[in-house]
């Protein structure tokens, strides 16, 4: 029986290690994907330049690409700044993760229970001291 428990523990440890490796690679992929947006934005403006040329009625829009692409990046940066400073996107993302986490739910329930018990003990001690 003890051998079976040790085997199960070893399998769990191995699976946990693979899970950590998988999510570390996913995190790296997500970071790389965020930089892919910059390349995608640049290629989108270059691809849409002939349509923008017709829309704005400018005969040579290619020379304006030198201005349009940096302005687009500056606009994206300002949006990111707004999301960081005003919306506080990182904190809001963390709050959403905590709301959905079973571990944090159990932890908060335990902490609430401990606080309730400590208050009860404090009331008893205050009653004894009177």
C-alpha atoms as a PDB file:
ATOM      1  CA  UNK A   1       0.000   0.000   0.000  1.00  0.00           C
ATOM      2  CA  UNK A   2       2.823   2.365   0.877  1.00  0.00           C
ATOM      3  CA  UNK A   3       4.485   1.663  -2.492  1.00  0.00           C
ATOM      4  CA  UNK A   4       1.291   2.698  -4.341  1.00  0.00           C
ATOM      5  CA  UNK A   5       1.145   5.989  -2.418  1.00  0.00           C
ATOM      6  CA  UNK A   6       4.805   6.706  -3.220  1.00  0.00           C
ATOM      7  CA  UNK A   7       4.168   5.965  -6.916  1.00  0.00           C
ATOM      8  CA  UNK A   8       1.139   8.248  -6.953  1.00  0.00           C
ATOM      9  CA  UNK A   9       3.146  10.984  -5.226  1.00  0.00           C
ATOM     10  CA  UNK A  10       5.915  10.614  -7.804  1.00  0.00           C
ATOM     11  CA  UNK A  11       3.420  10.873 -10.651  1.00  0.00           C
ATOM     12  CA  UNK A  12       1.860  13.983  -9.098  1.00  0.00           C
ATOM     13  CA  UNK A  13       5.255  15.623  -8.701  1.00  0.00           C
ATOM     14  CA  UNK A  14       6.130  14.822 -12.322  1.00  0.00           C
ATOM     15  CA  UNK A  15       2.793  16.149 -13.574  1.00  0.00           C
ATOM     16  CA  UNK A  16       3.180  19.304 -11.477  1.00  0.00           C
ATOM     17  CA  UNK A  17       6.643  19.857 -12.950  1.00  0.00           C
ATOM     18  CA  UNK A  18       5.304  19.480 -16.504  1.00  0.00           C
ATOM     19  CA  UNK A  19       2.453  21.831 -15.683  1.00  0.00           C
ATOM     20  CA  UNK A  20       4.957  24.460 -14.491  1.00  0.00           C
ATOM     21  CA  UNK A  21       7.048  24.010 -17.646  1.00  0.00           C
ATOM     22  CA  UNK A  22       3.953  24.282 -19.849  1.00  0.00           C
ATOM     23  CA  UNK A  23       2.728  27.491 -18.213  1.00  0.00           C
ATOM     24  CA  UNK A  24       6.212  29.020 -18.240  1.00  0.00           C
ATOM     25  CA  UNK A  25       6.331  28.479 -22.015  1.00  0.00           C
ATOM     26  CA  UNK A  26       2.789  29.867 -22.387  1.00  0.00           C
ATOM     27  CA  UNK A  27       3.842  32.986 -20.423  1.00  0.00           C
ATOM     28  CA  UNK A  28       6.835  33.464 -22.706  1.00  0.00           C
ATOM     29  CA  UNK A  29       4.615  33.018 -25.742  1.00  0.00           C
ATOM     30  CA  UNK A  30       2.173  35.626 -24.400  1.00  0.00           C
ATOM     31  CA  UNK A  31       5.025  38.094 -23.893  1.00  0.00           C
ATOM     32  CA  UNK A  32       6.253  37.498 -27.436  1.00  0.00           C
ATOM     33  CA  UNK A  33       2.730  37.833 -28.784  1.00  0.00           C
ATOM     34  CA  UNK A  34       2.396  41.281 -27.236  1.00  0.00           C
ATOM     35  CA  UNK A  35       5.404  42.437 -29.266  1.00  0.00           C
ATOM     36  CA  UNK A  36       3.933  40.831 -32.376  1.00  0.00           C
ATOM     37  CA  UNK A  37       1.175  43.458 -32.170  1.00  0.00           C
ATOM     38  CA  UNK A  38       3.746  46.133 -33.052  1.00  0.00           C
ATOM     39  CA  UNK A  39       4.793  44.300 -36.212  1.00  0.00           C
ATOM     40  CA  UNK A  40       1.185  43.550 -37.104  1.00  0.00           C
ATOM     41  CA  UNK A  41       0.211  47.219 -36.693  1.00  0.00           C
ATOM     42  CA  UNK A  42       3.031  48.362 -38.960  1.00  0.00           C
ATOM     43  CA  UNK A  43       2.159  45.849 -41.652  1.00  0.00           C
ATOM     44  CA  UNK A  44      -1.527  46.803 -41.412  1.00  0.00           C
ATOM     45  CA  UNK A  45      -0.780  50.474 -42.080  1.00  0.00           C
ATOM     46  CA  UNK A  46       1.479  49.619 -44.997  1.00  0.00           C
ATOM     47  CA  UNK A  47      -1.149  47.271 -46.443  1.00  0.00           C
ATOM     48  CA  UNK A  48      -3.956  49.797 -46.003  1.00  0.00           C
ATOM     49  CA  UNK A  49      -1.926  52.703 -47.365  1.00  0.00           C
ATOM     50  CA  UNK A  50      -3.521  52.579 -50.839  1.00  0.00           C
ATOM     51  CA  UNK A  51      -7.009  52.669 -49.295  1.00  0.00           C
ATOM     52  CA  UNK A  52      -5.994  55.537 -47.013  1.00  0.00           C
ATOM     53  CA  UNK A  53      -4.617  57.330 -50.045  1.00  0.00           C
ATOM     54  CA  UNK A  54      -8.038  57.176 -51.744  1.00  0.00           C
ATOM     55  CA  UNK A  55      -9.909  58.081 -48.526  1.00  0.00           C
ATOM     56  CA  UNK A  56      -7.806  61.159 -47.740  1.00  0.00           C
ATOM     57  CA  UNK A  57      -7.249  62.129 -51.371  1.00  0.00           C
ATOM     58  CA  UNK A  58      -3.493  62.392 -50.942  1.00  0.00           C
ATOM     59  CA  UNK A  59      -1.566  61.457 -54.097  1.00  0.00           C
ATOM     60  CA  UNK A  60       1.592  60.123 -52.344  1.00  0.00           C
ATOM     61  CA  UNK A  61       0.725  58.535 -49.028  1.00  0.00           C
ATOM     62  CA  UNK A  62       3.912  56.475 -48.861  1.00  0.00           C
ATOM     63  CA  UNK A  63       5.850  59.530 -47.731  1.00  0.00           C
ATOM     64  CA  UNK A  64       3.302  60.024 -44.934  1.00  0.00           C
ATOM     65  CA  UNK A  65       3.920  56.479 -43.672  1.00  0.00           C
ATOM     66  CA  UNK A  66       7.037  57.859 -42.008  1.00  0.00           C
ATOM     67  CA  UNK A  67       4.678  59.964 -39.874  1.00  0.00           C
ATOM     68  CA  UNK A  68       1.676  57.629 -39.640  1.00  0.00           C
ATOM     69  CA  UNK A  69       3.542  54.609 -38.239  1.00  0.00           C
ATOM     70  CA  UNK A  70       5.236  56.518 -35.364  1.00  0.00           C
ATOM     71  CA  UNK A  71       1.948  58.301 -34.585  1.00  0.00           C
ATOM     72  CA  UNK A  72       0.242  54.918 -34.407  1.00  0.00           C
ATOM     73  CA  UNK A  73       2.870  53.650 -31.987  1.00  0.00           C
ATOM     74  CA  UNK A  74       2.544  56.775 -29.875  1.00  0.00           C
ATOM     75  CA  UNK A  75      -1.240  56.283 -29.835  1.00  0.00           C
ATOM     76  CA  UNK A  76      -0.816  52.665 -28.735  1.00  0.00           C
ATOM     77  CA  UNK A  77       1.630  53.785 -26.043  1.00  0.00           C
ATOM     78  CA  UNK A  78      -0.831  56.404 -24.746  1.00  0.00           C
ATOM     79  CA  UNK A  79      -3.582  53.794 -24.653  1.00  0.00           C
ATOM     80  CA  UNK A  80      -1.269  51.503 -22.672  1.00  0.00           C
ATOM     81  CA  UNK A  81      -0.409  54.401 -20.344  1.00  0.00           C
ATOM     82  CA  UNK A  82      -4.147  55.068 -19.846  1.00  0.00           C
ATOM     83  CA  UNK A  83      -4.778  51.375 -19.133  1.00  0.00           C
ATOM     84  CA  UNK A  84      -1.856  51.316 -16.675  1.00  0.00           C
ATOM     85  CA  UNK A  85      -2.401  54.562 -14.776  1.00  0.00           C
ATOM     86  CA  UNK A  86      -6.155  55.179 -14.986  1.00  0.00           C
ATOM     87  CA  UNK A  87      -7.735  51.742 -15.380  1.00  0.00           C
ATOM     88  CA  UNK A  88      -4.944  49.971 -13.463  1.00  0.00           C
ATOM     89  CA  UNK A  89      -5.253  46.986 -15.777  1.00  0.00           C
ATOM     90  CA  UNK A  90      -2.649  44.831 -14.008  1.00  0.00           C
ATOM     91  CA  UNK A  91      -4.415  45.128 -10.661  1.00  0.00           C
ATOM     92  CA  UNK A  92      -7.817  44.507 -12.256  1.00  0.00           C
ATOM     93  CA  UNK A  93      -6.464  41.411 -14.001  1.00  0.00           C
ATOM     94  CA  UNK A  94      -5.075  40.178 -10.719  1.00  0.00           C
ATOM     95  CA  UNK A  95      -8.423  40.783  -8.993  1.00  0.00           C
ATOM     96  CA  UNK A  96     -10.213  38.775 -11.654  1.00  0.00           C
ATOM     97  CA  UNK A  97      -7.713  35.929 -11.289  1.00  0.00           C
ATOM     98  CA  UNK A  98      -8.158  35.915  -7.511  1.00  0.00           C
ATOM     99  CA  UNK A  99     -11.961  35.873  -7.891  1.00  0.00           C
ATOM    100  CA  UNK A 100     -11.749  32.798 -10.098  1.00  0.00           C
ATOM    101  CA  UNK A 101      -9.113  30.952  -8.072  1.00  0.00           C
ATOM    102  CA  UNK A 102     -10.271  28.063  -5.897  1.00  0.00           C
ATOM    103  CA  UNK A 103      -7.093  28.340  -3.847  1.00  0.00           C
ATOM    104  CA  UNK A 104      -7.681  32.011  -3.018  1.00  0.00           C
ATOM    105  CA  UNK A 105     -11.348  31.312  -2.256  1.00  0.00           C
ATOM    106  CA  UNK A 106     -10.384  28.620   0.242  1.00  0.00           C
ATOM    107  CA  UNK A 107      -7.632  30.831   1.676  1.00  0.00           C
ATOM    108  CA  UNK A 108     -10.028  33.748   2.188  1.00  0.00           C
ATOM    109  CA  UNK A 109     -12.590  31.458   3.819  1.00  0.00           C
ATOM    110  CA  UNK A 110      -9.910  30.165   6.206  1.00  0.00           C
ATOM    111  CA  UNK A 111      -8.774  33.702   7.021  1.00  0.00           C
ATOM    112  CA  UNK A 112     -12.365  34.798   7.674  1.00  0.00           C
ATOM    113  CA  UNK A 113     -12.864  31.817   9.967  1.00  0.00           C
ATOM    114  CA  UNK A 114      -9.616  32.585  11.840  1.00  0.00           C
ATOM    115  CA  UNK A 115     -10.581  36.230  12.284  1.00  0.00           C
ATOM    116  CA  UNK A 116     -14.002  35.228  13.619  1.00  0.00           C
ATOM    117  CA  UNK A 117     -12.431  32.795  16.072  1.00  0.00           C
ATOM    118  CA  UNK A 118      -9.843  35.375  17.173  1.00  0.00           C
ATOM    119  CA  UNK A 119     -12.596  37.930  17.799  1.00  0.00           C
ATOM    120  CA  UNK A 120     -14.460  35.366  19.890  1.00  0.00           C
ATOM    121  CA  UNK A 121     -11.302  34.665  21.898  1.00  0.00           C
ATOM    122  CA  UNK A 122     -10.711  38.403  22.367  1.00  0.00           C
ATOM    123  CA  UNK A 123     -14.270  38.849  23.665  1.00  0.00           C
ATOM    124  CA  UNK A 124     -13.791  35.960  26.100  1.00  0.00           C
ATOM    125  CA  UNK A 125     -10.489  37.392  27.350  1.00  0.00           C
ATOM    126  CA  UNK A 126     -12.041  40.835  27.812  1.00  0.00           C
ATOM    127  CA  UNK A 127     -14.922  39.295  29.764  1.00  0.00           C
ATOM    128  CA  UNK A 128     -12.485  37.398  31.991  1.00  0.00           C
ATOM    129  CA  UNK A 129     -10.438  40.548  32.689  1.00  0.00           C
ATOM    130  CA  UNK A 130     -13.516  42.510  33.809  1.00  0.00           C
END
